[in-house]
């Protein structure tokens, strides 16, 4: 992996909020981003999700209830989340996370559009109606 961009701020703190399934990352320039675990899982930078070349991306479905069990530091440039579905091959560099933070809304809407086009429903088991 190429080195970090010199103008990307470094994170000061990364917190996992298990109840709300959010990862909060605070950068040295004061920016704070919150990512749902689902967002991070479906946008994993791994080859398993992105494919090996453009156009080979694999739509990730059924990840609404995914948890991050823990994160491993990777050198001084990235983290590697260990997700509850067994996925742990994505390396999230500071550059990537900062870029995700800036573009999160656009990326999420694109993901929802792709889910809709594929006819996938993203309701979690917690959101499904109870039939009596």
Protein backbone atom coordinates (compact mmCIF):
# COMPACT_ATOMS: atom_id res chain seq x y z
CA UNK A 1 0.00 0.00 0.00
CA UNK A 2 1.26 3.46 -0.83
CA UNK A 3 2.20 5.79 1.97
CA UNK A 4 -0.24 8.23 3.45
CA UNK A 5 -0.99 11.51 1.78
CA UNK A 6 0.97 14.18 3.63
CA UNK A 7 -2.09 16.41 3.90
CA UNK A 8 -4.42 13.82 5.49
CA UNK A 9 -4.84 14.50 9.21
CA UNK A 10 -4.07 11.68 11.59
CA UNK A 11 -6.76 10.35 13.92
CA UNK A 12 -6.58 11.30 17.59
CA UNK A 13 -9.13 8.77 18.77
CA UNK A 14 -11.24 5.89 17.51
CA UNK A 15 -14.22 4.69 19.56
CA UNK A 16 -16.56 1.78 18.99
CA UNK A 17 -20.12 2.40 20.20
CA UNK A 18 -21.49 -1.15 20.32
CA UNK A 19 -25.09 -0.31 21.28
CA UNK A 20 -25.57 2.12 18.39
CA UNK A 21 -23.20 0.17 16.08
CA UNK A 22 -21.15 3.27 15.28
CA UNK A 23 -17.42 3.82 14.95
CA UNK A 24 -16.45 7.38 15.85
CA UNK A 25 -13.14 8.70 14.60
CA UNK A 26 -11.69 12.08 15.61
CA UNK A 27 -8.98 13.57 13.42
CA UNK A 28 -6.23 15.99 14.45
CA UNK A 29 -7.80 18.83 12.43
CA UNK A 30 -10.97 18.70 14.53
CA UNK A 31 -13.09 16.67 12.06
CA UNK A 32 -15.15 13.94 13.70
CA UNK A 33 -16.89 11.27 11.63
CA UNK A 34 -19.31 8.57 12.73
CA UNK A 35 -19.71 5.51 10.55
CA UNK A 36 -22.29 2.80 11.00
CA UNK A 37 -20.75 -0.65 11.18
CA UNK A 38 -22.92 -1.55 8.19
CA UNK A 39 -21.46 1.35 6.16
CA UNK A 40 -17.90 0.24 6.96
CA UNK A 41 -18.70 -3.40 6.17
CA UNK A 42 -20.40 -2.77 2.82
CA UNK A 43 -17.64 -0.34 1.79
CA UNK A 44 -14.77 -2.59 2.83
CA UNK A 45 -11.63 -1.89 0.82
CA UNK A 46 -10.95 -5.64 0.60
CA UNK A 47 -10.72 -7.51 -2.72
CA UNK A 48 -13.61 -9.67 -1.47
CA UNK A 49 -15.88 -6.60 -1.72
CA UNK A 50 -14.20 -4.39 -4.31
CA UNK A 51 -13.07 -7.13 -6.68
CA UNK A 52 -9.66 -7.13 -8.28
CA UNK A 53 -10.43 -4.46 -10.87
CA UNK A 54 -13.06 -1.79 -11.56
CA UNK A 55 -16.48 -3.20 -12.36
CA UNK A 56 -15.96 -6.32 -10.23
CA UNK A 57 -17.46 -4.85 -7.05
CA UNK A 58 -19.66 -7.30 -5.16
CA UNK A 59 -22.82 -5.84 -3.62
CA UNK A 60 -22.84 -6.65 0.09
CA UNK A 61 -26.30 -7.49 1.40
CA UNK A 62 -27.71 -8.48 4.76
CA UNK A 63 -25.14 -6.51 6.77
CA UNK A 64 -27.58 -4.33 8.76
CA UNK A 65 -26.93 -6.18 12.04
CA UNK A 66 -23.17 -6.65 11.62
CA UNK A 67 -20.98 -5.76 14.59
CA UNK A 68 -17.31 -4.87 14.86
CA UNK A 69 -15.88 -7.24 17.44
CA UNK A 70 -12.57 -5.38 17.64
CA UNK A 71 -10.12 -3.40 15.54
CA UNK A 72 -6.44 -4.12 15.06
CA UNK A 73 -3.95 -1.33 14.38
CA UNK A 74 -1.92 -1.79 11.19
CA UNK A 75 1.35 0.07 11.56
CA UNK A 76 0.74 3.76 12.06
CA UNK A 77 -1.41 4.18 8.95
CA UNK A 78 -4.54 1.98 9.19
CA UNK A 79 -6.91 -0.21 11.16
CA UNK A 80 -8.29 -3.64 10.40
CA UNK A 81 -11.80 -4.21 11.80
CA UNK A 82 -12.88 -7.71 12.71
CA UNK A 83 -16.59 -7.94 11.83
CA UNK A 84 -19.06 -10.34 13.45
CA UNK A 85 -19.75 -12.01 10.07
CA UNK A 86 -16.11 -13.15 9.93
CA UNK A 87 -14.93 -10.48 7.47
CA UNK A 88 -11.55 -9.11 8.52
CA UNK A 89 -9.51 -8.57 5.36
CA UNK A 90 -10.17 -4.86 4.82
CA UNK A 91 -7.41 -2.39 5.70
CA UNK A 92 -8.86 1.05 6.40
CA UNK A 93 -6.09 3.63 6.06
CA UNK A 94 -6.41 7.11 7.56
CA UNK A 95 -6.68 8.49 4.00
CA UNK A 96 -9.54 6.09 3.22
CA UNK A 97 -11.42 6.82 6.44
CA UNK A 98 -11.06 10.56 6.01
CA UNK A 99 -12.28 10.29 2.41
CA UNK A 100 -15.18 8.10 3.55
CA UNK A 101 -16.09 10.70 6.16
CA UNK A 102 -16.19 13.52 3.63
CA UNK A 103 -18.18 11.44 1.09
CA UNK A 104 -20.26 9.31 3.45
CA UNK A 105 -23.70 10.65 2.49
CA UNK A 106 -23.08 10.29 -1.25
CA UNK A 107 -21.58 6.80 -0.80
CA UNK A 108 -24.53 5.66 1.33
CA UNK A 109 -27.11 6.91 -1.18
CA UNK A 110 -25.23 5.12 -3.98
CA UNK A 111 -25.26 1.91 -1.91
CA UNK A 112 -29.02 2.23 -1.26
CA UNK A 113 -29.59 2.79 -5.00
CA UNK A 114 -27.57 -0.34 -5.81
CA UNK A 115 -29.56 -2.32 -3.23
CA UNK A 116 -32.82 -1.07 -4.75
CA UNK A 117 -31.68 -1.93 -8.29
CA UNK A 118 -30.79 -5.44 -7.10
CA UNK A 119 -34.21 -5.82 -5.48
CA UNK A 120 -32.62 -6.24 -2.06
CA UNK A 121 -34.37 -5.24 1.15
CA UNK A 122 -32.12 -3.87 3.90
CA UNK A 123 -34.52 -4.10 6.85
CA UNK A 124 -32.76 -5.59 9.82
CA UNK A 125 -34.25 -8.36 11.88
CA UNK A 126 -34.91 -5.70 14.55
CA UNK A 127 -36.96 -3.62 12.08
CA UNK A 128 -39.14 -6.40 10.68
CA UNK A 129 -42.80 -6.17 11.63
CA UNK A 130 -44.13 -8.69 14.11
CA UNK A 131 -47.03 -10.73 12.77
CA UNK A 132 -49.64 -11.85 15.29
